[in-house]
């Protein structure tokens, strides 16, 4: 099994360094900010997939290809956030079902594994999203980095990926775990920063309220002293 596919690297031969660099940067952003921007990634991915399905459907049925692709892509994008947890249920359930089928070929009730995996996918939605985005970012950045190395340094990336598949697979899995940890730390830092901002805003609001109360007290005291002076003048007269 090749997580860094030699076929993709072979197809990427001849790319200029600019698109390869964009791929590395985009993969790094997905790897680091997958959960923070997961709504954006989900909408983009579902929109693109829906558009491709619409283009293929329009091509096979003989309809208007562009209209079918655009309409289905927009429809899928609008429903993406609502379908995210359903897709997480189906994806996790399918993964557990396939793993259970591989481990227990003669199993009769594999649908239980599908349901358990789906429930875990929904309950651990944040963790699975972090893992998926981290893995996708690592794979994208690794392919783009290999293509960039081949373009700049004339390295045979296809041969390297074929001969060192085990090492590259381990590196991808290790980088994926590091991405999950990095996203968790980034999310905690963001939550702490938001809490500090909220506390600072509450403190400023309390200070403003206290200042208003002080002004009211000073105004009432000044009015009372003025009234006392007026009364004193009247009694003196």
C-alpha atoms as a PDB file:
ATOM      1  CA  UNK A   1       0.000   0.000   0.000  1.00  0.00           C
ATOM      2  CA  UNK A   2       1.411   3.358  -1.071  1.00  0.00           C
ATOM      3  CA  UNK A   3       0.108   6.424   0.746  1.00  0.00           C
ATOM      4  CA  UNK A   4       2.395   8.430  -1.525  1.00  0.00           C
ATOM      5  CA  UNK A   5       1.194   7.012  -4.827  1.00  0.00           C
ATOM      6  CA  UNK A   6       3.845   6.631  -7.551  1.00  0.00           C
ATOM      7  CA  UNK A   7       1.126   6.881 -10.214  1.00  0.00           C
ATOM      8  CA  UNK A   8       0.141  10.353  -9.031  1.00  0.00           C
ATOM      9  CA  UNK A   9       3.786  11.405  -8.932  1.00  0.00           C
ATOM     10  CA  UNK A  10       4.233  10.115 -12.470  1.00  0.00           C
ATOM     11  CA  UNK A  11       1.255  12.167 -13.635  1.00  0.00           C
ATOM     12  CA  UNK A  12       2.637  15.222 -11.803  1.00  0.00           C
ATOM     13  CA  UNK A  13       5.903  15.146 -13.724  1.00  0.00           C
ATOM     14  CA  UNK A  14       6.525  18.298 -15.683  1.00  0.00           C
ATOM     15  CA  UNK A  15       4.684  20.631 -13.319  1.00  0.00           C
ATOM     16  CA  UNK A  16       6.379  23.939 -12.662  1.00  0.00           C
ATOM     17  CA  UNK A  17       7.542  24.798  -9.123  1.00  0.00           C
ATOM     18  CA  UNK A  18       4.751  27.351  -8.646  1.00  0.00           C
ATOM     19  CA  UNK A  19       1.769  24.926  -8.558  1.00  0.00           C
ATOM     20  CA  UNK A  20       3.852  22.470  -6.541  1.00  0.00           C
ATOM     21  CA  UNK A  21       4.555  25.208  -3.983  1.00  0.00           C
ATOM     22  CA  UNK A  22       0.863  26.091  -3.864  1.00  0.00           C
ATOM     23  CA  UNK A  23       0.114  22.423  -3.160  1.00  0.00           C
ATOM     24  CA  UNK A  24       2.626  22.370  -0.296  1.00  0.00           C
ATOM     25  CA  UNK A  25       1.178  25.549   1.249  1.00  0.00           C
ATOM     26  CA  UNK A  26      -2.413  24.369   0.842  1.00  0.00           C
ATOM     27  CA  UNK A  27      -1.578  20.982   2.343  1.00  0.00           C
ATOM     28  CA  UNK A  28       0.103  22.681   5.288  1.00  0.00           C
ATOM     29  CA  UNK A  29      -2.957  24.863   5.903  1.00  0.00           C
ATOM     30  CA  UNK A  30      -5.276  21.844   5.803  1.00  0.00           C
ATOM     31  CA  UNK A  31      -2.883  19.966   8.112  1.00  0.00           C
ATOM     32  CA  UNK A  32      -2.749  22.770  10.686  1.00  0.00           C
ATOM     33  CA  UNK A  33      -6.154  24.497  10.417  1.00  0.00           C
ATOM     34  CA  UNK A  34      -8.361  21.571   9.430  1.00  0.00           C
ATOM     35  CA  UNK A  35     -10.750  21.753  12.373  1.00  0.00           C
ATOM     36  CA  UNK A  36     -10.772  25.536  12.637  1.00  0.00           C
ATOM     37  CA  UNK A  37     -11.790  25.888   8.990  1.00  0.00           C
ATOM     38  CA  UNK A  38     -13.585  22.557   8.714  1.00  0.00           C
ATOM     39  CA  UNK A  39     -16.863  24.192   7.647  1.00  0.00           C
ATOM     40  CA  UNK A  40     -15.082  25.834   4.732  1.00  0.00           C
ATOM     41  CA  UNK A  41     -13.325  22.593   3.737  1.00  0.00           C
ATOM     42  CA  UNK A  42     -16.570  20.597   4.001  1.00  0.00           C
ATOM     43  CA  UNK A  43     -18.482  23.072   1.838  1.00  0.00           C
ATOM     44  CA  UNK A  44     -15.710  23.222  -0.782  1.00  0.00           C
ATOM     45  CA  UNK A  45     -15.249  19.437  -0.902  1.00  0.00           C
ATOM     46  CA  UNK A  46     -18.968  18.665  -1.124  1.00  0.00           C
ATOM     47  CA  UNK A  47     -19.502  21.401  -3.735  1.00  0.00           C
ATOM     48  CA  UNK A  48     -16.663  20.095  -5.908  1.00  0.00           C
ATOM     49  CA  UNK A  49     -17.803  16.480  -5.579  1.00  0.00           C
ATOM     50  CA  UNK A  50     -21.394  17.464  -6.337  1.00  0.00           C
ATOM     51  CA  UNK A  51     -20.272  19.444  -9.374  1.00  0.00           C
ATOM     52  CA  UNK A  52     -18.231  16.522 -10.703  1.00  0.00           C
ATOM     53  CA  UNK A  53     -21.154  14.136 -10.182  1.00  0.00           C
ATOM     54  CA  UNK A  54     -23.453  16.587 -11.935  1.00  0.00           C
ATOM     55  CA  UNK A  55     -21.079  16.877 -14.892  1.00  0.00           C
ATOM     56  CA  UNK A  56     -20.799  13.109 -15.159  1.00  0.00           C
ATOM     57  CA  UNK A  57     -24.573  12.655 -14.864  1.00  0.00           C
ATOM     58  CA  UNK A  58     -25.270  15.313 -17.475  1.00  0.00           C
ATOM     59  CA  UNK A  59     -22.731  13.734 -19.807  1.00  0.00           C
ATOM     60  CA  UNK A  60     -24.209  10.242 -19.444  1.00  0.00           C
ATOM     61  CA  UNK A  61     -27.862  11.337 -19.744  1.00  0.00           C
ATOM     62  CA  UNK A  62     -27.251  13.735 -22.629  1.00  0.00           C
ATOM     63  CA  UNK A  63     -28.568  16.802 -20.779  1.00  0.00           C
ATOM     64  CA  UNK A  64     -27.018  20.202 -20.421  1.00  0.00           C
ATOM     65  CA  UNK A  65     -23.687  19.261 -18.830  1.00  0.00           C
ATOM     66  CA  UNK A  66     -22.650  22.649 -17.452  1.00  0.00           C
ATOM     67  CA  UNK A  67     -26.075  23.471 -15.991  1.00  0.00           C
ATOM     68  CA  UNK A  68     -26.313  20.060 -14.342  1.00  0.00           C
ATOM     69  CA  UNK A  69     -22.842  20.391 -12.810  1.00  0.00           C
ATOM     70  CA  UNK A  70     -23.345  23.945 -11.541  1.00  0.00           C
ATOM     71  CA  UNK A  71     -26.804  23.321 -10.087  1.00  0.00           C
ATOM     72  CA  UNK A  72     -25.855  20.077  -8.378  1.00  0.00           C
ATOM     73  CA  UNK A  73     -22.649  21.658  -7.041  1.00  0.00           C
ATOM     74  CA  UNK A  74     -24.534  24.642  -5.589  1.00  0.00           C
ATOM     75  CA  UNK A  75     -27.209  22.396  -4.100  1.00  0.00           C
ATOM     76  CA  UNK A  76     -24.598  20.172  -2.481  1.00  0.00           C
ATOM     77  CA  UNK A  77     -22.713  23.217  -1.153  1.00  0.00           C
ATOM     78  CA  UNK A  78     -25.862  24.662   0.453  1.00  0.00           C
ATOM     79  CA  UNK A  79     -26.614  21.351   2.161  1.00  0.00           C
ATOM     80  CA  UNK A  80     -23.002  20.536   3.034  1.00  0.00           C
ATOM     81  CA  UNK A  81     -23.039  21.549   6.702  1.00  0.00           C
ATOM     82  CA  UNK A  82     -26.323  19.726   7.299  1.00  0.00           C
ATOM     83  CA  UNK A  83     -24.972  16.602   5.588  1.00  0.00           C
ATOM     84  CA  UNK A  84     -21.581  16.702   7.332  1.00  0.00           C
ATOM     85  CA  UNK A  85     -22.566  14.528  10.279  1.00  0.00           C
ATOM     86  CA  UNK A  86     -24.504  12.147   8.036  1.00  0.00           C
ATOM     87  CA  UNK A  87     -21.410  11.752   5.875  1.00  0.00           C
ATOM     88  CA  UNK A  88     -19.315  11.256   9.029  1.00  0.00           C
ATOM     89  CA  UNK A  89     -21.711   8.491  10.130  1.00  0.00           C
ATOM     90  CA  UNK A  90     -21.555   6.770   6.754  1.00  0.00           C
ATOM     91  CA  UNK A  91     -17.790   7.130   6.367  1.00  0.00           C
ATOM     92  CA  UNK A  92     -16.917   5.882   9.854  1.00  0.00           C
ATOM     93  CA  UNK A  93     -19.452   3.067   9.645  1.00  0.00           C
ATOM     94  CA  UNK A  94     -18.136   1.959   6.267  1.00  0.00           C
ATOM     95  CA  UNK A  95     -14.534   2.054   7.503  1.00  0.00           C
ATOM     96  CA  UNK A  96     -15.341  -0.105  10.539  1.00  0.00           C
ATOM     97  CA  UNK A  97     -17.444  -2.440   8.398  1.00  0.00           C
ATOM     98  CA  UNK A  98     -14.600  -2.956   5.910  1.00  0.00           C
ATOM     99  CA  UNK A  99     -12.074  -3.440   8.727  1.00  0.00           C
ATOM    100  CA  UNK A 100     -14.334  -5.970  10.429  1.00  0.00           C
ATOM    101  CA  UNK A 101     -14.827  -7.788   7.108  1.00  0.00           C
ATOM    102  CA  UNK A 102     -11.064  -7.981   6.624  1.00  0.00           C
ATOM    103  CA  UNK A 103     -10.454  -9.252  10.170  1.00  0.00           C
ATOM    104  CA  UNK A 104     -13.438 -11.596  10.289  1.00  0.00           C
ATOM    105  CA  UNK A 105     -14.133 -12.813   6.732  1.00  0.00           C
ATOM    106  CA  UNK A 106     -16.783 -15.247   7.916  1.00  0.00           C
ATOM    107  CA  UNK A 107     -18.589 -12.785  10.152  1.00  0.00           C
ATOM    108  CA  UNK A 108     -22.368 -12.880   9.837  1.00  0.00           C
ATOM    109  CA  UNK A 109     -23.402  -9.656  11.569  1.00  0.00           C
ATOM    110  CA  UNK A 110     -21.031  -7.060  10.184  1.00  0.00           C
ATOM    111  CA  UNK A 111     -23.817  -4.484  10.170  1.00  0.00           C
ATOM    112  CA  UNK A 112     -23.282  -4.148  13.931  1.00  0.00           C
ATOM    113  CA  UNK A 113     -19.768  -2.916  13.199  1.00  0.00           C
ATOM    114  CA  UNK A 114     -21.218  -0.450  10.694  1.00  0.00           C
ATOM    115  CA  UNK A 115     -23.612   0.980  13.288  1.00  0.00           C
ATOM    116  CA  UNK A 116     -20.952   1.119  16.004  1.00  0.00           C
ATOM    117  CA  UNK A 117     -18.535   2.858  13.644  1.00  0.00           C
ATOM    118  CA  UNK A 118     -21.205   5.310  12.550  1.00  0.00           C
ATOM    119  CA  UNK A 119     -22.101   6.195  16.139  1.00  0.00           C
ATOM    120  CA  UNK A 120     -18.433   6.681  16.980  1.00  0.00           C
ATOM    121  CA  UNK A 121     -18.073   8.850  13.896  1.00  0.00           C
ATOM    122  CA  UNK A 122     -20.878  11.137  15.083  1.00  0.00           C
ATOM    123  CA  UNK A 123     -19.861  11.200  18.749  1.00  0.00           C
ATOM    124  CA  UNK A 124     -16.187  11.769  17.912  1.00  0.00           C
ATOM    125  CA  UNK A 125     -16.942  14.124  15.035  1.00  0.00           C
ATOM    126  CA  UNK A 126     -14.303  16.634  16.076  1.00  0.00           C
ATOM    127  CA  UNK A 127     -11.570  14.002  16.448  1.00  0.00           C
ATOM    128  CA  UNK A 128     -12.373  12.313  13.124  1.00  0.00           C
ATOM    129  CA  UNK A 129     -12.483  15.684  11.375  1.00  0.00           C
ATOM    130  CA  UNK A 130      -9.069  16.570  12.762  1.00  0.00           C
ATOM    131  CA  UNK A 131      -7.649  13.203  11.730  1.00  0.00           C
ATOM    132  CA  UNK A 132      -9.146  13.323   8.240  1.00  0.00           C
ATOM    133  CA  UNK A 133      -8.032  16.881   7.515  1.00  0.00           C
ATOM    134  CA  UNK A 134      -4.579  16.197   8.949  1.00  0.00           C
ATOM    135  CA  UNK A 135      -4.194  13.085   6.802  1.00  0.00           C
ATOM    136  CA  UNK A 136      -5.475  14.852   3.682  1.00  0.00           C
ATOM    137  CA  UNK A 137      -3.136  17.791   4.268  1.00  0.00           C
ATOM    138  CA  UNK A 138      -0.122  15.505   4.776  1.00  0.00           C
ATOM    139  CA  UNK A 139      -0.864  13.483   1.637  1.00  0.00           C
ATOM    140  CA  UNK A 140      -1.386  16.606  -0.477  1.00  0.00           C
ATOM    141  CA  UNK A 141       1.732  18.336   0.854  1.00  0.00           C
ATOM    142  CA  UNK A 142       3.838  15.178   0.467  1.00  0.00           C
ATOM    143  CA  UNK A 143       2.847  14.660  -3.168  1.00  0.00           C
ATOM    144  CA  UNK A 144       3.422  18.341  -3.944  1.00  0.00           C
ATOM    145  CA  UNK A 145       6.764  18.284  -2.116  1.00  0.00           C
ATOM    146  CA  UNK A 146       7.944  15.236  -4.065  1.00  0.00           C
ATOM    147  CA  UNK A 147       6.899  16.852  -7.332  1.00  0.00           C
ATOM    148  CA  UNK A 148       8.679  20.061  -6.279  1.00  0.00           C
ATOM    149  CA  UNK A 149      11.860  18.161  -5.435  1.00  0.00           C
ATOM    150  CA  UNK A 150      11.759  16.402  -8.797  1.00  0.00           C
ATOM    151  CA  UNK A 151      11.224  19.718 -10.581  1.00  0.00           C
ATOM    152  CA  UNK A 152      14.001  21.601  -8.773  1.00  0.00           C
ATOM    153  CA  UNK A 153      16.616  18.954  -7.979  1.00  0.00           C
ATOM    154  CA  UNK A 154      15.913  16.374 -10.709  1.00  0.00           C
ATOM    155  CA  UNK A 155      15.111  13.671  -8.158  1.00  0.00           C
ATOM    156  CA  UNK A 156      13.315  10.554  -9.377  1.00  0.00           C
ATOM    157  CA  UNK A 157      10.328  10.844  -7.057  1.00  0.00           C
ATOM    158  CA  UNK A 158       8.509   7.857  -8.559  1.00  0.00           C
ATOM    159  CA  UNK A 159      11.438   5.531  -7.928  1.00  0.00           C
ATOM    160  CA  UNK A 160      11.944   6.897  -4.419  1.00  0.00           C
ATOM    161  CA  UNK A 161       8.257   6.454  -3.529  1.00  0.00           C
ATOM    162  CA  UNK A 162       8.259   2.919  -4.909  1.00  0.00           C
ATOM    163  CA  UNK A 163      11.422   1.786  -3.099  1.00  0.00           C
ATOM    164  CA  UNK A 164      10.730   3.495   0.232  1.00  0.00           C
ATOM    165  CA  UNK A 165       6.986   2.926   0.555  1.00  0.00           C
ATOM    166  CA  UNK A 166       7.184   1.636   4.145  1.00  0.00           C
ATOM    167  CA  UNK A 167       9.222   4.615   5.359  1.00  0.00           C
ATOM    168  CA  UNK A 168       6.957   7.109   3.597  1.00  0.00           C
ATOM    169  CA  UNK A 169       3.829   5.438   4.983  1.00  0.00           C
ATOM    170  CA  UNK A 170       5.227   5.663   8.508  1.00  0.00           C
ATOM    171  CA  UNK A 171       6.172   9.293   7.975  1.00  0.00           C
ATOM    172  CA  UNK A 172       2.660  10.101   6.721  1.00  0.00           C
ATOM    173  CA  UNK A 173       1.015   8.404   9.719  1.00  0.00           C
ATOM    174  CA  UNK A 174       3.390  10.132  12.160  1.00  0.00           C
ATOM    175  CA  UNK A 175       2.748  13.507  10.527  1.00  0.00           C
ATOM    176  CA  UNK A 176      -0.991  12.833  10.715  1.00  0.00           C
ATOM    177  CA  UNK A 177      -0.792  12.241  14.477  1.00  0.00           C
ATOM    178  CA  UNK A 178       1.305  15.386  14.841  1.00  0.00           C
ATOM    179  CA  UNK A 179      -1.337  17.297  12.874  1.00  0.00           C
ATOM    180  CA  UNK A 180      -4.100  16.124  15.230  1.00  0.00           C
ATOM    181  CA  UNK A 181      -2.021  17.270  18.203  1.00  0.00           C
ATOM    182  CA  UNK A 182      -1.231  20.604  16.524  1.00  0.00           C
ATOM    183  CA  UNK A 183      -4.900  21.236  15.716  1.00  0.00           C
ATOM    184  CA  UNK A 184      -5.879  20.413  19.308  1.00  0.00           C
ATOM    185  CA  UNK A 185      -3.287  22.823  20.691  1.00  0.00           C
ATOM    186  CA  UNK A 186      -4.342  25.519  18.228  1.00  0.00           C
ATOM    187  CA  UNK A 187      -7.993  25.070  19.169  1.00  0.00           C
ATOM    188  CA  UNK A 188      -7.192  25.268  22.887  1.00  0.00           C
ATOM    189  CA  UNK A 189      -5.129  28.418  22.316  1.00  0.00           C
ATOM    190  CA  UNK A 190      -7.978  29.964  20.330  1.00  0.00           C
ATOM    191  CA  UNK A 191     -10.525  29.132  23.061  1.00  0.00           C
ATOM    192  CA  UNK A 192      -8.278  30.550  25.779  1.00  0.00           C
ATOM    193  CA  UNK A 193      -7.733  33.697  23.743  1.00  0.00           C
ATOM    194  CA  UNK A 194     -11.473  34.080  23.247  1.00  0.00           C
ATOM    195  CA  UNK A 195     -12.049  33.587  26.988  1.00  0.00           C
ATOM    196  CA  UNK A 196      -9.454  36.257  27.769  1.00  0.00           C
ATOM    197  CA  UNK A 197     -11.146  38.622  25.336  1.00  0.00           C
ATOM    198  CA  UNK A 198     -14.547  37.937  26.878  1.00  0.00           C
ATOM    199  CA  UNK A 199     -13.179  38.498  30.379  1.00  0.00           C
ATOM    200  CA  UNK A 200     -11.517  41.734  29.259  1.00  0.00           C
ATOM    201  CA  UNK A 201     -14.773  42.902  27.677  1.00  0.00           C
ATOM    202  CA  UNK A 202     -16.698  42.062  30.852  1.00  0.00           C
ATOM    203  CA  UNK A 203     -14.122  43.906  32.937  1.00  0.00           C
ATOM    204  CA  UNK A 204     -14.407  46.994  30.728  1.00  0.00           C
ATOM    205  CA  UNK A 205     -18.193  46.812  30.946  1.00  0.00           C
ATOM    206  CA  UNK A 206     -18.051  46.604  34.748  1.00  0.00           C
ATOM    207  CA  UNK A 207     -15.661  49.535  34.877  1.00  0.00           C
ATOM    208  CA  UNK A 208     -18.004  51.589  32.696  1.00  0.00           C
ATOM    209  CA  UNK A 209     -20.962  50.716  34.929  1.00  0.00           C
ATOM    210  CA  UNK A 210     -18.983  51.658  38.034  1.00  0.00           C
ATOM    211  CA  UNK A 211     -17.949  54.924  36.412  1.00  0.00           C
ATOM    212  CA  UNK A 212     -21.573  55.692  35.605  1.00  0.00           C
ATOM    213  CA  UNK A 213     -22.564  54.940  39.195  1.00  0.00           C
ATOM    214  CA  UNK A 214     -19.800  57.234  40.471  1.00  0.00           C
ATOM    215  CA  UNK A 215     -20.971  59.997  38.164  1.00  0.00           C
ATOM    216  CA  UNK A 216     -24.547  59.560  39.391  1.00  0.00           C
ATOM    217  CA  UNK A 217     -23.404  59.686  43.004  1.00  0.00           C
ATOM    218  CA  UNK A 218     -21.301  62.799  42.377  1.00  0.00           C
ATOM    219  CA  UNK A 219     -24.177  64.446  40.523  1.00  0.00           C
ATOM    220  CA  UNK A 220     -26.606  63.697  43.362  1.00  0.00           C
ATOM    221  CA  UNK A 221     -24.110  64.967  45.949  1.00  0.00           C
ATOM    222  CA  UNK A 222     -23.545  68.178  43.995  1.00  0.00           C
ATOM    223  CA  UNK A 223     -27.293  68.705  43.634  1.00  0.00           C
ATOM    224  CA  UNK A 224     -27.791  68.107  47.342  1.00  0.00           C
ATOM    225  CA  UNK A 225     -25.029  70.546  48.264  1.00  0.00           C
ATOM    226  CA  UNK A 226     -26.476  73.148  45.906  1.00  0.00           C
ATOM    227  CA  UNK A 227     -29.906  72.674  47.435  1.00  0.00           C
ATOM    228  CA  UNK A 228     -28.445  73.028  50.913  1.00  0.00           C
ATOM    229  CA  UNK A 229     -26.757  76.282  49.922  1.00  0.00           C
ATOM    230  CA  UNK A 230     -29.987  77.655  48.526  1.00  0.00           C
ATOM    231  CA  UNK A 231     -31.828  76.722  51.716  1.00  0.00           C
ATOM    232  CA  UNK A 232     -29.077  78.321  53.796  1.00  0.00           C
ATOM    233  CA  UNK A 233     -29.334  81.596  51.874  1.00  0.00           C
ATOM    234  CA  UNK A 234     -33.124  81.646  52.258  1.00  0.00           C
ATOM    235  CA  UNK A 235     -32.973  81.070  55.994  1.00  0.00           C
ATOM    236  CA  UNK A 236     -30.264  83.748  56.333  1.00  0.00           C
ATOM    237  CA  UNK A 237     -32.400  86.210  54.417  1.00  0.00           C
END
